[in-house]
C-alpha atoms as a PDB file:
ATOM      1  CA  UNK A   1       0.043   0.039   0.069  1.00  0.00           C
ATOM      2  CA  UNK A   2       1.269   3.332  -0.972  1.00  0.00           C
ATOM      3  CA  UNK A   3       1.520   6.143   1.674  1.00  0.00           C
ATOM      4  CA  UNK A   4       0.792   8.837  -0.936  1.00  0.00           C
ATOM      5  CA  UNK A   5      -3.059   7.420  -0.854  1.00  0.00           C
ATOM      6  CA  UNK A   6      -3.385   8.070   2.807  1.00  0.00           C
ATOM      7  CA  UNK A   7      -5.038  11.521   3.327  1.00  0.00           C
ATOM      8  CA  UNK A   8      -2.953  13.894   5.515  1.00  0.00           C
ATOM      9  CA  UNK A   9      -4.277  15.619   8.246  1.00  0.00           C
ATOM     10  CA  UNK A  10      -4.124  19.444   8.357  1.00  0.00           C
ATOM     11  CA  UNK A  11      -1.453  20.456  10.418  1.00  0.00           C
ATOM     12  CA  UNK A  12      -1.271  23.508  12.385  1.00  0.00           C
ATOM     13  CA  UNK A  13       1.684  25.978  12.585  1.00  0.00           C
ATOM     14  CA  UNK A  14       3.717  26.379  15.662  1.00  0.00           C
ATOM     15  CA  UNK A  15       2.631  30.104  15.780  1.00  0.00           C
ATOM     16  CA  UNK A  16      -0.936  29.166  16.229  1.00  0.00           C
ATOM     17  CA  UNK A  17       0.069  26.353  18.766  1.00  0.00           C
ATOM     18  CA  UNK A  18       1.981  28.806  20.706  1.00  0.00           C
ATOM     19  CA  UNK A  19      -0.867  31.254  20.855  1.00  0.00           C
ATOM     20  CA  UNK A  20      -3.191  28.607  21.920  1.00  0.00           C
ATOM     21  CA  UNK A  21      -0.698  27.561  24.746  1.00  0.00           C
ATOM     22  CA  UNK A  22      -0.419  31.261  25.763  1.00  0.00           C
ATOM     23  CA  UNK A  23      -4.258  31.728  26.081  1.00  0.00           C
ATOM     24  CA  UNK A  24      -4.689  28.483  28.091  1.00  0.00           C
ATOM     25  CA  UNK A  25      -1.708  29.359  30.310  1.00  0.00           C
ATOM     26  CA  UNK A  26      -2.399  33.160  30.765  1.00  0.00           C
ATOM     27  CA  UNK A  27      -5.910  32.492  31.863  1.00  0.00           C
ATOM     28  CA  UNK A  28      -4.874  29.834  34.324  1.00  0.00           C
ATOM     29  CA  UNK A  29      -1.998  31.959  35.586  1.00  0.00           C
ATOM     30  CA  UNK A  30      -3.798  34.987  35.856  1.00  0.00           C
ATOM     31  CA  UNK A  31      -6.256  33.420  38.299  1.00  0.00           C
ATOM     32  CA  UNK A  32      -3.410  31.928  40.303  1.00  0.00           C
ATOM     33  CA  UNK A  33      -1.260  34.932  40.470  1.00  0.00           C
ATOM     34  CA  UNK A  34      -4.372  37.034  41.748  1.00  0.00           C
ATOM     35  CA  UNK A  35      -5.466  34.693  44.415  1.00  0.00           C
ATOM     36  CA  UNK A  36      -2.222  33.085  45.773  1.00  0.00           C
ATOM     37  CA  UNK A  37       1.104  34.778  47.018  1.00  0.00           C
ATOM     38  CA  UNK A  38       3.311  31.724  47.529  1.00  0.00           C
ATOM     39  CA  UNK A  39       5.108  30.492  44.606  1.00  0.00           C
ATOM     40  CA  UNK A  40       4.721  26.762  45.597  1.00  0.00           C
ATOM     41  CA  UNK A  41       0.958  27.382  45.929  1.00  0.00           C
ATOM     42  CA  UNK A  42       0.708  29.064  42.693  1.00  0.00           C
ATOM     43  CA  UNK A  43       2.599  26.120  40.993  1.00  0.00           C
ATOM     44  CA  UNK A  44       0.364  23.696  42.615  1.00  0.00           C
ATOM     45  CA  UNK A  45      -2.838  25.449  41.782  1.00  0.00           C
ATOM     46  CA  UNK A  46      -1.618  25.973  38.191  1.00  0.00           C
ATOM     47  CA  UNK A  47      -1.109  22.435  37.812  1.00  0.00           C
ATOM     48  CA  UNK A  48      -4.289  21.436  38.983  1.00  0.00           C
ATOM     49  CA  UNK A  49      -6.051  23.996  36.857  1.00  0.00           C
ATOM     50  CA  UNK A  50      -3.892  22.894  33.666  1.00  0.00           C
ATOM     51  CA  UNK A  51      -4.887  19.305  34.200  1.00  0.00           C
ATOM     52  CA  UNK A  52      -8.404  20.137  34.470  1.00  0.00           C
ATOM     53  CA  UNK A  53      -8.415  22.350  31.507  1.00  0.00           C
ATOM     54  CA  UNK A  54      -5.980  20.612  29.280  1.00  0.00           C
ATOM     55  CA  UNK A  55      -6.642  16.928  30.157  1.00  0.00           C
ATOM     56  CA  UNK A  56     -10.302  16.574  31.416  1.00  0.00           C
ATOM     57  CA  UNK A  57     -11.757  19.274  29.399  1.00  0.00           C
ATOM     58  CA  UNK A  58     -10.073  18.158  26.303  1.00  0.00           C
ATOM     59  CA  UNK A  59     -11.141  14.725  26.767  1.00  0.00           C
ATOM     60  CA  UNK A  60     -14.894  15.805  27.106  1.00  0.00           C
ATOM     61  CA  UNK A  61     -14.579  18.281  24.451  1.00  0.00           C
ATOM     62  CA  UNK A  62     -13.403  16.505  21.258  1.00  0.00           C
ATOM     63  CA  UNK A  63      -9.498  17.223  21.794  1.00  0.00           C
ATOM     64  CA  UNK A  64     -10.147  20.992  22.285  1.00  0.00           C
ATOM     65  CA  UNK A  65      -9.137  23.091  25.336  1.00  0.00           C
ATOM     66  CA  UNK A  66     -10.306  26.711  25.286  1.00  0.00           C
ATOM     67  CA  UNK A  67      -7.117  27.919  23.289  1.00  0.00           C
ATOM     68  CA  UNK A  68      -7.414  25.182  20.739  1.00  0.00           C
ATOM     69  CA  UNK A  69     -11.032  26.071  20.453  1.00  0.00           C
ATOM     70  CA  UNK A  70     -10.203  29.704  19.942  1.00  0.00           C
ATOM     71  CA  UNK A  71      -7.674  28.846  17.332  1.00  0.00           C
ATOM     72  CA  UNK A  72      -9.324  26.021  15.463  1.00  0.00           C
ATOM     73  CA  UNK A  73      -7.356  23.216  16.744  1.00  0.00           C
ATOM     74  CA  UNK A  74      -7.561  19.763  18.203  1.00  0.00           C
ATOM     75  CA  UNK A  75      -5.359  16.856  19.640  1.00  0.00           C
ATOM     76  CA  UNK A  76      -5.577  13.626  18.147  1.00  0.00           C
ATOM     77  CA  UNK A  77      -4.048  10.190  18.890  1.00  0.00           C
ATOM     78  CA  UNK A  78      -1.496   9.450  16.498  1.00  0.00           C
ATOM     79  CA  UNK A  79      -2.551   5.858  16.027  1.00  0.00           C
ATOM     80  CA  UNK A  80      -6.265   5.746  15.867  1.00  0.00           C
ATOM     81  CA  UNK A  81      -6.672   9.474  14.871  1.00  0.00           C
ATOM     82  CA  UNK A  82      -9.360  10.095  17.577  1.00  0.00           C
ATOM     83  CA  UNK A  83      -9.277  12.115  20.790  1.00  0.00           C
ATOM     84  CA  UNK A  84      -6.663  10.593  23.066  1.00  0.00           C
ATOM     85  CA  UNK A  85      -7.454   8.656  26.129  1.00  0.00           C
ATOM     86  CA  UNK A  86      -6.699  10.257  29.639  1.00  0.00           C
ATOM     87  CA  UNK A  87      -3.370   8.434  29.993  1.00  0.00           C
ATOM     88  CA  UNK A  88      -2.235  10.077  26.678  1.00  0.00           C
ATOM     89  CA  UNK A  89      -3.320  13.436  27.528  1.00  0.00           C
ATOM     90  CA  UNK A  90      -1.912  13.306  31.062  1.00  0.00           C
ATOM     91  CA  UNK A  91       1.520  12.176  29.708  1.00  0.00           C
ATOM     92  CA  UNK A  92       1.383  15.021  27.214  1.00  0.00           C
ATOM     93  CA  UNK A  93       0.059  17.821  29.336  1.00  0.00           C
ATOM     94  CA  UNK A  94       2.245  16.749  32.532  1.00  0.00           C
ATOM     95  CA  UNK A  95       5.407  17.558  30.452  1.00  0.00           C
ATOM     96  CA  UNK A  96       4.019  20.647  28.879  1.00  0.00           C
ATOM     97  CA  UNK A  97       2.283  21.860  32.103  1.00  0.00           C
ATOM     98  CA  UNK A  98       5.636  21.641  33.939  1.00  0.00           C
ATOM     99  CA  UNK A  99       7.729  23.262  31.533  1.00  0.00           C
ATOM    100  CA  UNK A 100       5.106  26.168  31.230  1.00  0.00           C
ATOM    101  CA  UNK A 101       4.755  26.800  34.941  1.00  0.00           C
ATOM    102  CA  UNK A 102       8.493  26.974  35.230  1.00  0.00           C
ATOM    103  CA  UNK A 103       8.719  29.476  32.169  1.00  0.00           C
ATOM    104  CA  UNK A 104       5.681  31.607  33.800  1.00  0.00           C
ATOM    105  CA  UNK A 105       7.531  31.710  37.299  1.00  0.00           C
ATOM    106  CA  UNK A 106      10.511  32.703  35.430  1.00  0.00           C
ATOM    107  CA  UNK A 107       8.870  35.686  33.672  1.00  0.00           C
ATOM    108  CA  UNK A 108       6.942  36.789  36.699  1.00  0.00           C
ATOM    109  CA  UNK A 109      10.066  36.748  38.893  1.00  0.00           C
ATOM    110  CA  UNK A 110      12.274  38.567  36.231  1.00  0.00           C
ATOM    111  CA  UNK A 111      13.693  41.828  37.596  1.00  0.00           C
ATOM    112  CA  UNK A 112      16.780  43.748  36.307  1.00  0.00           C
ATOM    113  CA  UNK A 113      18.738  42.185  39.296  1.00  0.00           C
ATOM    114  CA  UNK A 114      17.869  38.395  38.696  1.00  0.00           C
ATOM    115  CA  UNK A 115      17.883  37.716  34.991  1.00  0.00           C
ATOM    116  CA  UNK A 116      19.004  34.033  35.835  1.00  0.00           C
ATOM    117  CA  UNK A 117      15.310  33.239  36.186  1.00  0.00           C
ATOM    118  CA  UNK A 118      15.432  33.111  32.573  1.00  0.00           C
ATOM    119  CA  UNK A 119      16.840  29.606  32.793  1.00  0.00           C
ATOM    120  CA  UNK A 120      13.280  28.686  33.845  1.00  0.00           C
ATOM    121  CA  UNK A 121      12.314  29.268  30.280  1.00  0.00           C
ATOM    122  CA  UNK A 122      14.624  26.432  28.872  1.00  0.00           C
ATOM    123  CA  UNK A 123      12.404  23.371  29.390  1.00  0.00           C
ATOM    124  CA  UNK A 124       9.660  24.947  27.484  1.00  0.00           C
ATOM    125  CA  UNK A 125      12.143  26.252  24.777  1.00  0.00           C
ATOM    126  CA  UNK A 126      13.712  22.698  24.093  1.00  0.00           C
ATOM    127  CA  UNK A 127      10.289  21.462  24.020  1.00  0.00           C
ATOM    128  CA  UNK A 128       9.343  23.416  20.939  1.00  0.00           C
ATOM    129  CA  UNK A 129      12.760  23.277  19.542  1.00  0.00           C
ATOM    130  CA  UNK A 130      12.322  19.759  18.829  1.00  0.00           C
ATOM    131  CA  UNK A 131       9.166  20.621  16.944  1.00  0.00           C
ATOM    132  CA  UNK A 132      11.291  23.186  14.823  1.00  0.00           C
ATOM    133  CA  UNK A 133      13.843  20.588  13.839  1.00  0.00           C
ATOM    134  CA  UNK A 134      11.698  17.422  13.419  1.00  0.00           C
ATOM    135  CA  UNK A 135      11.055  16.497  10.003  1.00  0.00           C
ATOM    136  CA  UNK A 136      10.520  12.859  10.573  1.00  0.00           C
ATOM    137  CA  UNK A 137       7.574  13.067  12.877  1.00  0.00           C
ATOM    138  CA  UNK A 138       5.778  15.783  11.204  1.00  0.00           C
ATOM    139  CA  UNK A 139       6.677  18.874  13.400  1.00  0.00           C
ATOM    140  CA  UNK A 140       5.656  17.221  16.781  1.00  0.00           C
ATOM    141  CA  UNK A 141       7.019  18.671  19.876  1.00  0.00           C
ATOM    142  CA  UNK A 142       8.551  16.585  22.736  1.00  0.00           C
ATOM    143  CA  UNK A 143       5.334  16.396  24.679  1.00  0.00           C
ATOM    144  CA  UNK A 144       3.510  15.372  21.453  1.00  0.00           C
ATOM    145  CA  UNK A 145       5.857  12.554  21.069  1.00  0.00           C
ATOM    146  CA  UNK A 146       5.842  11.295  24.552  1.00  0.00           C
ATOM    147  CA  UNK A 147       1.934  11.488  24.663  1.00  0.00           C
ATOM    148  CA  UNK A 148       1.601   9.941  21.199  1.00  0.00           C
ATOM    149  CA  UNK A 149      -0.512  12.920  19.942  1.00  0.00           C
ATOM    150  CA  UNK A 150      -0.648  15.456  17.051  1.00  0.00           C
ATOM    151  CA  UNK A 151      -2.195  18.663  16.734  1.00  0.00           C
ATOM    152  CA  UNK A 152      -4.556  19.292  13.573  1.00  0.00           C
ATOM    153  CA  UNK A 153      -6.685  21.896  12.493  1.00  0.00           C
ATOM    154  CA  UNK A 154     -10.303  21.724  12.628  1.00  0.00           C
ATOM    155  CA  UNK A 155     -13.412  23.681  11.311  1.00  0.00           C
ATOM    156  CA  UNK A 156     -14.778  23.672  14.857  1.00  0.00           C
ATOM    157  CA  UNK A 157     -13.704  26.899  16.625  1.00  0.00           C
ATOM    158  CA  UNK A 158     -13.827  30.723  16.919  1.00  0.00           C
ATOM    159  CA  UNK A 159     -11.116  31.288  14.411  1.00  0.00           C
ATOM    160  CA  UNK A 160      -9.637  34.060  16.664  1.00  0.00           C
ATOM    161  CA  UNK A 161      -6.141  34.030  14.471  1.00  0.00           C
ATOM    162  CA  UNK A 162      -8.261  34.977  11.362  1.00  0.00           C
ATOM    163  CA  UNK A 163     -10.315  37.589  13.168  1.00  0.00           C
ATOM    164  CA  UNK A 164      -7.186  39.244  14.773  1.00  0.00           C
ATOM    165  CA  UNK A 165      -5.401  39.363  11.271  1.00  0.00           C
ATOM    166  CA  UNK A 166      -8.787  40.827   9.882  1.00  0.00           C
ATOM    167  CA  UNK A 167      -8.851  43.375  12.361  1.00  0.00           C
ATOM    168  CA  UNK A 168      -5.213  44.247  12.042  1.00  0.00           C
ATOM    169  CA  UNK A 169      -5.813  44.812   8.213  1.00  0.00           C
ATOM    170  CA  UNK A 170      -8.576  47.093   8.871  1.00  0.00           C
ATOM    171  CA  UNK A 171      -6.447  49.314  11.239  1.00  0.00           C
ATOM    172  CA  UNK A 172      -3.458  49.320   8.698  1.00  0.00           C
ATOM    173  CA  UNK A 173      -5.930  50.382   5.983  1.00  0.00           C
ATOM    174  CA  UNK A 174      -7.622  52.985   8.462  1.00  0.00           C
ATOM    175  CA  UNK A 175      -4.129  54.427   9.280  1.00  0.00           C
ATOM    176  CA  UNK A 176      -2.956  54.725   5.561  1.00  0.00           C
ATOM    177  CA  UNK A 177      -5.925  56.728   4.660  1.00  0.00           C
END
């Protein structure tokens, strides 16, 4: 059987994936940073919120979290091309959630005197660098590879990226007049 006959799933660009991650993480981080002072408490509550939003919500919502819904994406199991089971989602999101909370703690604690906290961005950076250089696995990030998942485009969503680009075009045209 030729693999050329197998239909390819619509892949999502890394910029859209990063925007989706930023939306999900930003919402959870905003709540935790407003309500909690201790960094350990913030990290714990963030990870619990992350699991709730990116594992349980995704399992019940056809592979979409709030950020993925806003940017027309969904997560699929690579073997069965369906919404992943809880175990695959948990493996995937445990890696991504831990790297994200470290990055957010690093960015929150950044001042002119302690730039060393930028080291906390490295786990998230390396996770995404793998997607940039991966040609064999179709641009899978490390957390996708561990969880056995892929992120594909879908027609079900809000299309926030398209609406933002439309708004920017309107603003640019208005300024040029």
